[in-house]
Amino acid sequence: WKGFDGFEYLVPYLVSASGVKETYAYRHDGTLSMPQVLAGFDQWLAAFDKRYLHLDSGGDEYVGFITDADQVEAMIELARQAGVEARLESF
């Protein structure tokens, strides 16, 4: 439940910081898993030429960031060079 609460609190700030002017409305209703919520968020971002990349932190938390769609491969490569796994799909 903490992942859902954190997501609901942080997502408006992350969307705004990424330059998207549209508001992403999210309310946890208990029917979707966190990976499903994040996949839906990524689909929503794609309409604004943005994507949500997941980072493997080695723990059980959900870590990721928003990037421009045309920078996905470059971000994945930079993460790989830093020894961090990043991808569009949840870990």
N, C-alpha and C. Protein backbone atom coordinates (compact mmCIF):
# COMPACT_ATOMS: atom_id res chain seq x y z
N TRP A 1 0.81 -1.21 0.00
CA TRP A 1 0.00 0.00 0.00
C TRP A 1 0.84 1.25 0.00
N LYS A 2 2.07 1.19 0.58
CA LYS A 2 2.91 2.39 0.61
C LYS A 2 3.30 2.82 -0.80
N GLY A 3 3.51 1.84 -1.68
CA GLY A 3 3.84 2.18 -3.07
C GLY A 3 2.73 2.96 -3.73
N PHE A 4 1.50 2.57 -3.49
CA PHE A 4 0.37 3.27 -4.07
C PHE A 4 0.23 4.67 -3.48
N ASP A 5 0.39 4.79 -2.17
CA ASP A 5 0.30 6.10 -1.52
C ASP A 5 1.41 7.03 -2.02
N GLY A 6 2.62 6.51 -2.10
CA GLY A 6 3.74 7.31 -2.59
C GLY A 6 3.54 7.74 -4.03
N PHE A 7 3.04 6.82 -4.85
CA PHE A 7 2.79 7.14 -6.25
C PHE A 7 1.74 8.24 -6.36
N GLU A 8 0.64 8.09 -5.65
CA GLU A 8 -0.44 9.07 -5.71
C GLU A 8 0.06 10.46 -5.29
N TYR A 9 0.91 10.50 -4.29
CA TYR A 9 1.43 11.78 -3.80
C TYR A 9 2.45 12.38 -4.77
N LEU A 10 3.36 11.55 -5.30
CA LEU A 10 4.47 12.06 -6.10
C LEU A 10 4.15 12.29 -7.57
N VAL A 11 3.22 11.54 -8.13
CA VAL A 11 2.99 11.60 -9.57
C VAL A 11 2.67 13.01 -10.08
N PRO A 12 1.88 13.83 -9.41
CA PRO A 12 1.65 15.19 -9.95
C PRO A 12 2.94 16.00 -10.05
N TYR A 13 3.82 15.85 -9.08
CA TYR A 13 5.10 16.57 -9.10
C TYR A 13 6.01 16.07 -10.22
N LEU A 14 6.05 14.75 -10.39
CA LEU A 14 6.90 14.17 -11.42
C LEU A 14 6.42 14.55 -12.82
N VAL A 15 5.12 14.53 -13.02
CA VAL A 15 4.56 14.91 -14.32
C VAL A 15 4.89 16.37 -14.61
N SER A 16 4.67 17.23 -13.65
CA SER A 16 4.97 18.66 -13.83
C SER A 16 6.45 18.89 -14.08
N ALA A 17 7.31 18.24 -13.33
CA ALA A 17 8.76 18.40 -13.48
C ALA A 17 9.24 17.91 -14.85
N SER A 18 8.50 16.97 -15.44
CA SER A 18 8.89 16.45 -16.75
C SER A 18 8.45 17.37 -17.89
N GLY A 19 7.68 18.40 -17.56
CA GLY A 19 7.26 19.36 -18.57
C GLY A 19 5.87 19.12 -19.12
N VAL A 20 5.19 18.09 -18.65
CA VAL A 20 3.82 17.82 -19.11
C VAL A 20 2.87 18.73 -18.35
N LYS A 21 2.05 19.45 -19.08
CA LYS A 21 1.13 20.41 -18.46
C LYS A 21 -0.19 19.78 -18.04
N GLU A 22 -0.52 18.63 -18.62
CA GLU A 22 -1.75 17.91 -18.31
C GLU A 22 -1.65 17.28 -16.91
N THR A 23 -2.75 17.19 -16.22
CA THR A 23 -2.78 16.56 -14.90
C THR A 23 -3.06 15.07 -15.04
N TYR A 24 -2.27 14.26 -14.35
CA TYR A 24 -2.51 12.82 -14.34
C TYR A 24 -3.32 12.51 -13.09
N ALA A 25 -4.55 12.09 -13.31
CA ALA A 25 -5.44 11.79 -12.19
C ALA A 25 -5.29 10.33 -11.80
N TYR A 26 -4.96 10.07 -10.53
CA TYR A 26 -4.81 8.71 -10.04
C TYR A 26 -5.43 8.59 -8.66
N ARG A 27 -6.20 7.56 -8.49
CA ARG A 27 -6.76 7.20 -7.19
C ARG A 27 -6.67 5.69 -7.07
N HIS A 28 -6.07 5.22 -6.00
CA HIS A 28 -5.91 3.79 -5.78
C HIS A 28 -7.26 3.17 -5.44
N ASP A 29 -7.69 2.22 -6.28
CA ASP A 29 -8.97 1.56 -6.01
C ASP A 29 -8.79 0.09 -5.62
N GLY A 30 -7.56 -0.39 -5.58
CA GLY A 30 -7.29 -1.74 -5.13
C GLY A 30 -7.45 -2.83 -6.18
N THR A 31 -7.76 -2.46 -7.42
CA THR A 31 -7.98 -3.49 -8.44
C THR A 31 -6.76 -3.78 -9.29
N LEU A 32 -5.79 -2.88 -9.33
CA LEU A 32 -4.60 -3.05 -10.15
C LEU A 32 -3.37 -3.23 -9.27
N SER A 33 -2.42 -4.02 -9.76
CA SER A 33 -1.14 -4.15 -9.07
C SER A 33 -0.30 -2.91 -9.38
N MET A 34 0.75 -2.70 -8.61
CA MET A 34 1.62 -1.55 -8.86
C MET A 34 2.25 -1.63 -10.25
N PRO A 35 2.73 -2.79 -10.72
CA PRO A 35 3.24 -2.84 -12.10
C PRO A 35 2.18 -2.45 -13.14
N GLN A 36 0.93 -2.81 -12.91
CA GLN A 36 -0.14 -2.43 -13.83
C GLN A 36 -0.39 -0.92 -13.79
N VAL A 37 -0.35 -0.35 -12.60
CA VAL A 37 -0.51 1.11 -12.45
C VAL A 37 0.60 1.83 -13.20
N LEU A 38 1.83 1.37 -13.03
CA LEU A 38 2.97 2.02 -13.69
C LEU A 38 2.91 1.83 -15.21
N ALA A 39 2.43 0.69 -15.68
CA ALA A 39 2.28 0.47 -17.12
C ALA A 39 1.23 1.43 -17.70
N GLY A 40 0.14 1.63 -16.97
CA GLY A 40 -0.87 2.59 -17.41
C GLY A 40 -0.34 4.01 -17.41
N PHE A 41 0.46 4.34 -16.42
CA PHE A 41 1.09 5.66 -16.35
C PHE A 41 2.02 5.86 -17.55
N ASP A 42 2.80 4.84 -17.89
CA ASP A 42 3.69 4.91 -19.04
C ASP A 42 2.89 5.13 -20.32
N GLN A 43 1.79 4.43 -20.48
CA GLN A 43 0.94 4.61 -21.67
C GLN A 43 0.41 6.04 -21.73
N TRP A 44 0.00 6.58 -20.60
CA TRP A 44 -0.49 7.96 -20.56
C TRP A 44 0.62 8.93 -20.96
N LEU A 45 1.83 8.70 -20.44
CA LEU A 45 2.97 9.57 -20.77
C LEU A 45 3.31 9.53 -22.26
N ALA A 46 3.13 8.37 -22.89
CA ALA A 46 3.49 8.22 -24.30
C ALA A 46 2.73 9.21 -25.19
N ALA A 47 1.55 9.59 -24.78
CA ALA A 47 0.78 10.59 -25.54
C ALA A 47 1.46 11.95 -25.55
N PHE A 48 2.40 12.16 -24.62
CA PHE A 48 3.12 13.43 -24.52
C PHE A 48 4.58 13.26 -24.93
N ASP A 49 4.87 12.17 -25.64
CA ASP A 49 6.24 11.85 -26.07
C ASP A 49 7.19 11.69 -24.89
N LYS A 50 6.67 11.11 -23.82
CA LYS A 50 7.46 10.80 -22.62
C LYS A 50 7.29 9.32 -22.33
N ARG A 51 8.19 8.76 -21.55
CA ARG A 51 8.08 7.37 -21.12
C ARG A 51 8.54 7.27 -19.68
N TYR A 52 8.06 6.21 -19.01
CA TYR A 52 8.48 5.92 -17.64
C TYR A 52 9.43 4.73 -17.69
N LEU A 53 10.67 4.93 -17.28
CA LEU A 53 11.66 3.86 -17.24
C LEU A 53 11.80 3.35 -15.81
N HIS A 54 11.82 2.03 -15.68
CA HIS A 54 12.00 1.37 -14.39
C HIS A 54 13.48 1.12 -14.17
N LEU A 55 13.92 1.30 -12.94
CA LEU A 55 15.29 0.99 -12.54
C LEU A 55 15.27 -0.17 -11.57
N ASP A 56 16.20 -1.09 -11.73
CA ASP A 56 16.32 -2.21 -10.81
C ASP A 56 17.25 -1.79 -9.68
N SER A 57 16.67 -1.52 -8.52
CA SER A 57 17.46 -1.08 -7.37
C SER A 57 17.99 -2.26 -6.57
N GLY A 58 17.53 -3.45 -6.91
CA GLY A 58 17.92 -4.63 -6.15
C GLY A 58 17.00 -4.90 -4.97
N GLY A 59 16.10 -3.99 -4.70
CA GLY A 59 15.15 -4.15 -3.60
C GLY A 59 13.76 -4.43 -4.12
N ASP A 60 12.79 -4.35 -3.23
CA ASP A 60 11.41 -4.62 -3.64
C ASP A 60 10.60 -3.35 -3.87
N GLU A 61 11.27 -2.20 -3.89
CA GLU A 61 10.56 -0.95 -4.15
C GLU A 61 10.49 -0.68 -5.65
N TYR A 62 9.62 0.23 -6.02
CA TYR A 62 9.48 0.63 -7.42
C TYR A 62 10.24 1.93 -7.61
N VAL A 63 11.24 1.89 -8.48
CA VAL A 63 12.09 3.04 -8.73
C VAL A 63 12.09 3.29 -10.23
N GLY A 64 11.93 4.53 -10.62
CA GLY A 64 11.94 4.85 -12.03
C GLY A 64 11.96 6.34 -12.26
N PHE A 65 11.91 6.71 -13.53
CA PHE A 65 11.93 8.13 -13.88
C PHE A 65 11.26 8.34 -15.23
N ILE A 66 10.89 9.57 -15.47
CA ILE A 66 10.27 9.98 -16.73
C ILE A 66 11.37 10.53 -17.64
N THR A 67 11.33 10.12 -18.91
CA THR A 67 12.29 10.63 -19.88
C THR A 67 11.56 10.90 -21.20
N ASP A 68 12.19 11.66 -22.07
CA ASP A 68 11.63 11.87 -23.40
C ASP A 68 11.64 10.55 -24.15
N ALA A 69 10.60 10.30 -24.93
CA ALA A 69 10.48 9.03 -25.64
C ALA A 69 11.67 8.76 -26.55
N ASP A 70 12.20 9.81 -27.16
CA ASP A 70 13.33 9.60 -28.06
C ASP A 70 14.66 9.39 -27.33
N GLN A 71 14.65 9.43 -26.01
CA GLN A 71 15.85 9.23 -25.22
C GLN A 71 15.87 7.89 -24.47
N VAL A 72 14.85 7.06 -24.68
CA VAL A 72 14.73 5.80 -23.94
C VAL A 72 15.97 4.94 -24.11
N GLU A 73 16.36 4.67 -25.34
CA GLU A 73 17.51 3.80 -25.58
C GLU A 73 18.79 4.38 -25.00
N ALA A 74 18.97 5.69 -25.12
CA ALA A 74 20.17 6.33 -24.56
C ALA A 74 20.18 6.22 -23.03
N MET A 75 19.02 6.39 -22.41
CA MET A 75 18.95 6.27 -20.94
C MET A 75 19.22 4.84 -20.48
N ILE A 76 18.70 3.87 -21.22
CA ILE A 76 18.95 2.46 -20.89
C ILE A 76 20.45 2.17 -21.01
N GLU A 77 21.07 2.68 -22.05
CA GLU A 77 22.51 2.47 -22.24
C GLU A 77 23.33 3.16 -21.15
N LEU A 78 22.97 4.37 -20.79
CA LEU A 78 23.69 5.07 -19.72
C LEU A 78 23.56 4.32 -18.40
N ALA A 79 22.38 3.83 -18.12
CA ALA A 79 22.17 3.04 -16.91
C ALA A 79 23.04 1.79 -16.94
N ARG A 80 23.08 1.11 -18.09
CA ARG A 80 23.89 -0.10 -18.23
C ARG A 80 25.36 0.21 -17.95
N GLN A 81 25.84 1.31 -18.50
CA GLN A 81 27.23 1.71 -18.28
C GLN A 81 27.51 2.00 -16.81
N ALA A 82 26.48 2.44 -16.09
CA ALA A 82 26.64 2.73 -14.66
C ALA A 82 26.40 1.48 -13.80
N GLY A 83 26.11 0.35 -14.44
CA GLY A 83 25.87 -0.88 -13.70
C GLY A 83 24.47 -1.00 -13.14
N VAL A 84 23.53 -0.27 -13.72
CA VAL A 84 22.14 -0.29 -13.28
C VAL A 84 21.28 -0.79 -14.44
N GLU A 85 20.35 -1.67 -14.15
CA GLU A 85 19.45 -2.14 -15.20
C GLU A 85 18.24 -1.22 -15.27
N ALA A 86 17.91 -0.80 -16.47
CA ALA A 86 16.73 0.04 -16.70
C ALA A 86 15.98 -0.54 -17.88
N ARG A 87 14.66 -0.44 -17.84
CA ARG A 87 13.84 -0.92 -18.94
C ARG A 87 12.42 -0.34 -18.83
N LEU A 88 11.67 -0.50 -19.90
CA LEU A 88 10.29 0.00 -19.92
C LEU A 88 9.35 -0.89 -19.11
N GLU A 89 9.65 -2.17 -19.00
CA GLU A 89 8.80 -3.10 -18.26
C GLU A 89 9.22 -3.11 -16.80
N SER A 90 8.26 -3.37 -15.93
CA SER A 90 8.52 -3.45 -14.49
C SER A 90 9.39 -4.66 -14.17
N PHE A 91 10.17 -4.56 -13.12
CA PHE A 91 11.02 -5.67 -12.66
C PHE A 91 10.24 -6.58 -11.75
